[in-house]
Amino acid sequence: MFGRKKDKKDKNEKDDYQDPLMDLDEVLNQFLKMQEEMLKGFMGNGEVRTYTRRVTVGPDGQPKVEEFVNGLPVSNQGQSEIKTEPEVVESGDKVIVTVEVPEARKEELKVTLKNKTKLVIENKGDKTEVSLPGPSEPISVKLNNGVLVCTFKKSYKETLETLKIE
């Protein structure tokens, strides 16, 4: 019971009042120490980092992404570079490439198709190349709120040919 004295099991044990929250505080501290040790084991060098992002929409309708490490802002130094890996999805006879280009304007981007198999995206001196799964013909390229979506029509057919071993 809360607020009662401990049962005397040993004659040497003191007859002190036991605070029920004291035990809870000890358990919580032990739990936090165990959690920290586990994280140190995962991290290798013992340094724990927390990465967070805050996404807001500016007055011009463009998304603004702020990155933080251990609660401190990461400086972008005015760069408007491609931050995430491009996503390439094959859907039927189409190939769709999605790339984040935060704070980019249509006039600042240069998108080219090299040898019908490689998409090249240039933005303020930054260059990213995306390999397509095969030769493709462009259908559309759209920029909407910092996301570039390029749609292509496959100009190849998937075939399976058995080869004779010599």
C-alpha atoms as a PDB file:
ATOM      1  CA  MET A   1       0.000   0.000   0.000  1.00  0.00           C
ATOM      2  CA  PHE A   2       1.081   3.534  -0.607  1.00  0.00           C
ATOM      3  CA  GLY A   3       2.384   5.500   2.337  1.00  0.00           C
ATOM      4  CA  ARG A   4       2.658   2.513   4.657  1.00  0.00           C
ATOM      5  CA  LYS A   5       5.751   1.255   6.311  1.00  0.00           C
ATOM      6  CA  LYS A   6       7.619  -1.679   4.864  1.00  0.00           C
ATOM      7  CA  ASP A   7       6.878  -5.055   6.297  1.00  0.00           C
ATOM      8  CA  LYS A   8       9.613  -6.105   8.623  1.00  0.00           C
ATOM      9  CA  LYS A   9      11.257  -9.153   7.163  1.00  0.00           C
ATOM     10  CA  ASP A  10      14.599  -8.631   8.785  1.00  0.00           C
ATOM     11  CA  LYS A  11      15.241  -7.373  12.311  1.00  0.00           C
ATOM     12  CA  ASN A  12      18.091  -5.162  11.074  1.00  0.00           C
ATOM     13  CA  GLU A  13      15.860  -3.369   8.572  1.00  0.00           C
ATOM     14  CA  LYS A  14      14.990   0.234   9.428  1.00  0.00           C
ATOM     15  CA  ASP A  15      11.441   1.291  10.119  1.00  0.00           C
ATOM     16  CA  ASP A  16      11.393   4.167   7.563  1.00  0.00           C
ATOM     17  CA  TYR A  17       8.577   5.510   5.444  1.00  0.00           C
ATOM     18  CA  GLN A  18       8.852   4.267   1.815  1.00  0.00           C
ATOM     19  CA  ASP A  19       7.954   6.719  -0.938  1.00  0.00           C
ATOM     20  CA  PRO A  20       6.201   4.781  -3.737  1.00  0.00           C
ATOM     21  CA  LEU A  21       7.462   7.207  -6.393  1.00  0.00           C
ATOM     22  CA  MET A  22      11.078   6.674  -5.343  1.00  0.00           C
ATOM     23  CA  ASP A  23      11.050   3.138  -6.730  1.00  0.00           C
ATOM     24  CA  LEU A  24       9.429   4.354  -9.945  1.00  0.00           C
ATOM     25  CA  ASP A  25      12.121   7.007 -10.338  1.00  0.00           C
ATOM     26  CA  GLU A  26      14.848   4.364  -9.899  1.00  0.00           C
ATOM     27  CA  VAL A  27      13.231   2.070 -12.477  1.00  0.00           C
ATOM     28  CA  LEU A  28      12.917   4.961 -14.940  1.00  0.00           C
ATOM     29  CA  ASN A  29      16.598   5.903 -14.502  1.00  0.00           C
ATOM     30  CA  GLN A  30      17.663   2.284 -15.019  1.00  0.00           C
ATOM     31  CA  PHE A  31      15.497   2.084 -18.144  1.00  0.00           C
ATOM     32  CA  LEU A  32      17.044   5.270 -19.568  1.00  0.00           C
ATOM     33  CA  LYS A  33      20.577   3.959 -18.886  1.00  0.00           C
ATOM     34  CA  MET A  34      19.752   0.650 -20.604  1.00  0.00           C
ATOM     35  CA  GLN A  35      18.268   2.492 -23.587  1.00  0.00           C
ATOM     36  CA  GLU A  36      21.354   4.694 -23.906  1.00  0.00           C
ATOM     37  CA  GLU A  37      23.675   1.659 -23.742  1.00  0.00           C
ATOM     38  CA  MET A  38      21.647  -0.104 -26.435  1.00  0.00           C
ATOM     39  CA  LEU A  39      21.807   2.942 -28.710  1.00  0.00           C
ATOM     40  CA  LYS A  40      25.561   3.241 -28.137  1.00  0.00           C
ATOM     41  CA  GLY A  41      25.900  -0.414 -29.139  1.00  0.00           C
ATOM     42  CA  PHE A  42      24.010   0.221 -32.365  1.00  0.00           C
ATOM     43  CA  MET A  43      25.955   3.368 -33.200  1.00  0.00           C
ATOM     44  CA  GLY A  44      29.408   1.839 -32.705  1.00  0.00           C
ATOM     45  CA  ASN A  45      31.254   4.955 -31.582  1.00  0.00           C
ATOM     46  CA  GLY A  46      28.723   5.778 -28.875  1.00  0.00           C
ATOM     47  CA  GLU A  47      27.562   9.010 -30.495  1.00  0.00           C
ATOM     48  CA  VAL A  48      23.791   9.219 -30.820  1.00  0.00           C
ATOM     49  CA  ARG A  49      22.349  11.575 -33.440  1.00  0.00           C
ATOM     50  CA  THR A  50      18.730  12.475 -33.983  1.00  0.00           C
ATOM     51  CA  TYR A  51      17.783  13.681 -37.456  1.00  0.00           C
ATOM     52  CA  THR A  52      14.525  15.572 -37.947  1.00  0.00           C
ATOM     53  CA  ARG A  53      12.943  17.611 -40.726  1.00  0.00           C
ATOM     54  CA  ARG A  54      10.305  20.309 -40.613  1.00  0.00           C
ATOM     55  CA  VAL A  55       8.345  20.942 -43.803  1.00  0.00           C
ATOM     56  CA  THR A  56       6.368  24.172 -44.159  1.00  0.00           C
ATOM     57  CA  VAL A  57       4.708  25.891 -47.091  1.00  0.00           C
ATOM     58  CA  GLY A  58       5.873  29.425 -47.819  1.00  0.00           C
ATOM     59  CA  PRO A  59       3.679  32.329 -48.933  1.00  0.00           C
ATOM     60  CA  ASP A  60       4.543  31.562 -52.559  1.00  0.00           C
ATOM     61  CA  GLY A  61       3.173  28.018 -52.178  1.00  0.00           C
ATOM     62  CA  GLN A  62       6.629  26.415 -52.354  1.00  0.00           C
ATOM     63  CA  PRO A  63       7.577  23.869 -49.683  1.00  0.00           C
ATOM     64  CA  LYS A  64      10.428  24.742 -47.346  1.00  0.00           C
ATOM     65  CA  VAL A  65      12.359  21.877 -45.747  1.00  0.00           C
ATOM     66  CA  GLU A  66      14.424  22.563 -42.637  1.00  0.00           C
ATOM     67  CA  GLU A  67      16.773  19.873 -41.353  1.00  0.00           C
ATOM     68  CA  PHE A  68      17.959  19.448 -37.766  1.00  0.00           C
ATOM     69  CA  VAL A  69      20.599  17.229 -36.141  1.00  0.00           C
ATOM     70  CA  ASN A  70      20.232  16.772 -32.369  1.00  0.00           C
ATOM     71  CA  GLY A  71      17.814  19.711 -32.365  1.00  0.00           C
ATOM     72  CA  LEU A  72      20.237  22.126 -34.061  1.00  0.00           C
ATOM     73  CA  PRO A  73      19.483  23.465 -37.543  1.00  0.00           C
ATOM     74  CA  VAL A  74      21.666  22.245 -40.393  1.00  0.00           C
ATOM     75  CA  SER A  75      22.818  25.119 -42.569  1.00  0.00           C
ATOM     76  CA  ASN A  76      21.927  24.814 -46.253  1.00  0.00           C
ATOM     77  CA  GLN A  77      24.193  27.789 -47.060  1.00  0.00           C
ATOM     78  CA  GLY A  78      21.771  28.946 -49.740  1.00  0.00           C
ATOM     79  CA  GLN A  79      22.093  25.752 -51.733  1.00  0.00           C
ATOM     80  CA  SER A  80      19.129  24.491 -53.696  1.00  0.00           C
ATOM     81  CA  GLU A  81      20.464  21.067 -54.491  1.00  0.00           C
ATOM     82  CA  ILE A  82      18.780  17.759 -55.131  1.00  0.00           C
ATOM     83  CA  LYS A  83      18.550  16.242 -51.657  1.00  0.00           C
ATOM     84  CA  THR A  84      16.932  12.857 -52.026  1.00  0.00           C
ATOM     85  CA  GLU A  85      17.595   9.932 -54.284  1.00  0.00           C
ATOM     86  CA  PRO A  86      15.517   9.955 -57.466  1.00  0.00           C
ATOM     87  CA  GLU A  87      12.704   7.415 -57.586  1.00  0.00           C
ATOM     88  CA  VAL A  88      12.307   5.379 -60.781  1.00  0.00           C
ATOM     89  CA  VAL A  89       9.053   3.431 -61.185  1.00  0.00           C
ATOM     90  CA  GLU A  90       8.066   1.199 -64.099  1.00  0.00           C
ATOM     91  CA  SER A  91       4.329   1.022 -64.678  1.00  0.00           C
ATOM     92  CA  GLY A  92       3.153  -0.960 -67.692  1.00  0.00           C
ATOM     93  CA  ASP A  93       4.644   0.719 -70.763  1.00  0.00           C
ATOM     94  CA  LYS A  94       5.697   3.850 -68.817  1.00  0.00           C
ATOM     95  CA  VAL A  95       8.679   4.853 -66.712  1.00  0.00           C
ATOM     96  CA  ILE A  96       8.085   7.583 -64.125  1.00  0.00           C
ATOM     97  CA  VAL A  97      11.030   9.398 -62.495  1.00  0.00           C
ATOM     98  CA  THR A  98      10.356  11.556 -59.427  1.00  0.00           C
ATOM     99  CA  VAL A  99      13.037  13.869 -58.020  1.00  0.00           C
ATOM    100  CA  GLU A 100      12.885  16.459 -55.240  1.00  0.00           C
ATOM    101  CA  VAL A 101      14.413  19.799 -56.217  1.00  0.00           C
ATOM    102  CA  PRO A 102      13.503  22.136 -53.335  1.00  0.00           C
ATOM    103  CA  GLU A 103      13.148  25.839 -54.075  1.00  0.00           C
ATOM    104  CA  ALA A 104      13.897  25.265 -57.778  1.00  0.00           C
ATOM    105  CA  ARG A 105      12.167  27.245 -60.484  1.00  0.00           C
ATOM    106  CA  LYS A 106      11.293  26.028 -63.943  1.00  0.00           C
ATOM    107  CA  GLU A 107      13.678  28.553 -65.493  1.00  0.00           C
ATOM    108  CA  GLU A 108      16.614  27.332 -63.358  1.00  0.00           C
ATOM    109  CA  LEU A 109      16.299  23.636 -64.245  1.00  0.00           C
ATOM    110  CA  LYS A 110      17.780  21.977 -67.280  1.00  0.00           C
ATOM    111  CA  VAL A 111      16.501  18.459 -67.980  1.00  0.00           C
ATOM    112  CA  THR A 112      18.034  16.391 -70.787  1.00  0.00           C
ATOM    113  CA  LEU A 113      17.753  12.813 -72.000  1.00  0.00           C
ATOM    114  CA  LYS A 114      21.112  11.280 -72.927  1.00  0.00           C
ATOM    115  CA  ASN A 115      21.150   8.334 -75.379  1.00  0.00           C
ATOM    116  CA  LYS A 116      17.493   7.665 -74.486  1.00  0.00           C
ATOM    117  CA  THR A 117      18.681   5.825 -71.347  1.00  0.00           C
ATOM    118  CA  LYS A 118      19.961   8.492 -68.956  1.00  0.00           C
ATOM    119  CA  LEU A 119      18.089  11.466 -67.514  1.00  0.00           C
ATOM    120  CA  VAL A 120      20.333  14.423 -66.612  1.00  0.00           C
ATOM    121  CA  ILE A 121      18.995  17.101 -64.250  1.00  0.00           C
ATOM    122  CA  GLU A 122      20.991  20.306 -63.742  1.00  0.00           C
ATOM    123  CA  ASN A 123      20.045  22.863 -61.093  1.00  0.00           C
ATOM    124  CA  LYS A 124      22.270  25.839 -60.200  1.00  0.00           C
ATOM    125  CA  GLY A 125      25.479  23.972 -60.981  1.00  0.00           C
ATOM    126  CA  ASP A 126      24.380  20.718 -59.348  1.00  0.00           C
ATOM    127  CA  LYS A 127      24.055  17.783 -61.723  1.00  0.00           C
ATOM    128  CA  THR A 128      22.237  14.498 -61.129  1.00  0.00           C
ATOM    129  CA  GLU A 129      22.089  11.590 -63.543  1.00  0.00           C
ATOM    130  CA  VAL A 130      19.326   8.989 -63.356  1.00  0.00           C
ATOM    131  CA  SER A 131      19.650   5.738 -65.286  1.00  0.00           C
ATOM    132  CA  LEU A 132      16.444   4.598 -66.939  1.00  0.00           C
ATOM    133  CA  PRO A 133      15.701   0.859 -67.201  1.00  0.00           C
ATOM    134  CA  GLY A 134      16.034   0.983 -71.000  1.00  0.00           C
ATOM    135  CA  PRO A 135      15.596   3.241 -74.041  1.00  0.00           C
ATOM    136  CA  SER A 136      12.636   5.565 -73.470  1.00  0.00           C
ATOM    137  CA  GLU A 137      10.784   8.387 -75.214  1.00  0.00           C
ATOM    138  CA  PRO A 138       9.781  11.468 -73.173  1.00  0.00           C
ATOM    139  CA  ILE A 139       6.069  12.080 -72.647  1.00  0.00           C
ATOM    140  CA  SER A 140       6.059  14.914 -70.095  1.00  0.00           C
ATOM    141  CA  VAL A 141       8.195  16.794 -67.564  1.00  0.00           C
ATOM    142  CA  LYS A 142       6.407  18.693 -64.772  1.00  0.00           C
ATOM    143  CA  LEU A 143       7.636  20.708 -61.791  1.00  0.00           C
ATOM    144  CA  ASN A 144       5.146  21.118 -58.969  1.00  0.00           C
ATOM    145  CA  ASN A 145       6.046  22.443 -55.491  1.00  0.00           C
ATOM    146  CA  GLY A 146       9.693  21.406 -55.708  1.00  0.00           C
ATOM    147  CA  VAL A 147       8.993  17.934 -57.112  1.00  0.00           C
ATOM    148  CA  LEU A 148      10.071  17.138 -60.667  1.00  0.00           C
ATOM    149  CA  VAL A 149       8.077  14.337 -62.332  1.00  0.00           C
ATOM    150  CA  CYS A 150       9.339  13.011 -65.671  1.00  0.00           C
ATOM    151  CA  THR A 151       7.187  10.502 -67.560  1.00  0.00           C
ATOM    152  CA  PHE A 152       8.586   8.355 -70.360  1.00  0.00           C
ATOM    153  CA  LYS A 153       7.211   5.728 -72.711  1.00  0.00           C
ATOM    154  CA  LYS A 154       9.274   2.563 -72.928  1.00  0.00           C
ATOM    155  CA  SER A 155      10.748   2.037 -76.388  1.00  0.00           C
ATOM    156  CA  TYR A 156      11.886  -1.443 -75.531  1.00  0.00           C
ATOM    157  CA  LYS A 157      10.117  -4.677 -74.847  1.00  0.00           C
ATOM    158  CA  GLU A 158      11.102  -7.099 -72.169  1.00  0.00           C
ATOM    159  CA  THR A 159      12.043 -10.369 -73.838  1.00  0.00           C
ATOM    160  CA  LEU A 160      13.570 -13.590 -72.652  1.00  0.00           C
ATOM    161  CA  GLU A 161      15.911 -15.421 -74.977  1.00  0.00           C
ATOM    162  CA  THR A 162      17.604 -18.707 -74.190  1.00  0.00           C
ATOM    163  CA  LEU A 163      21.260 -18.660 -75.149  1.00  0.00           C
ATOM    164  CA  LYS A 164      23.198 -21.708 -76.249  1.00  0.00           C
ATOM    165  CA  ILE A 165      26.332 -22.463 -74.273  1.00  0.00           C
ATOM    166  CA  GLU A 166      29.362 -23.381 -76.397  1.00  0.00           C
END
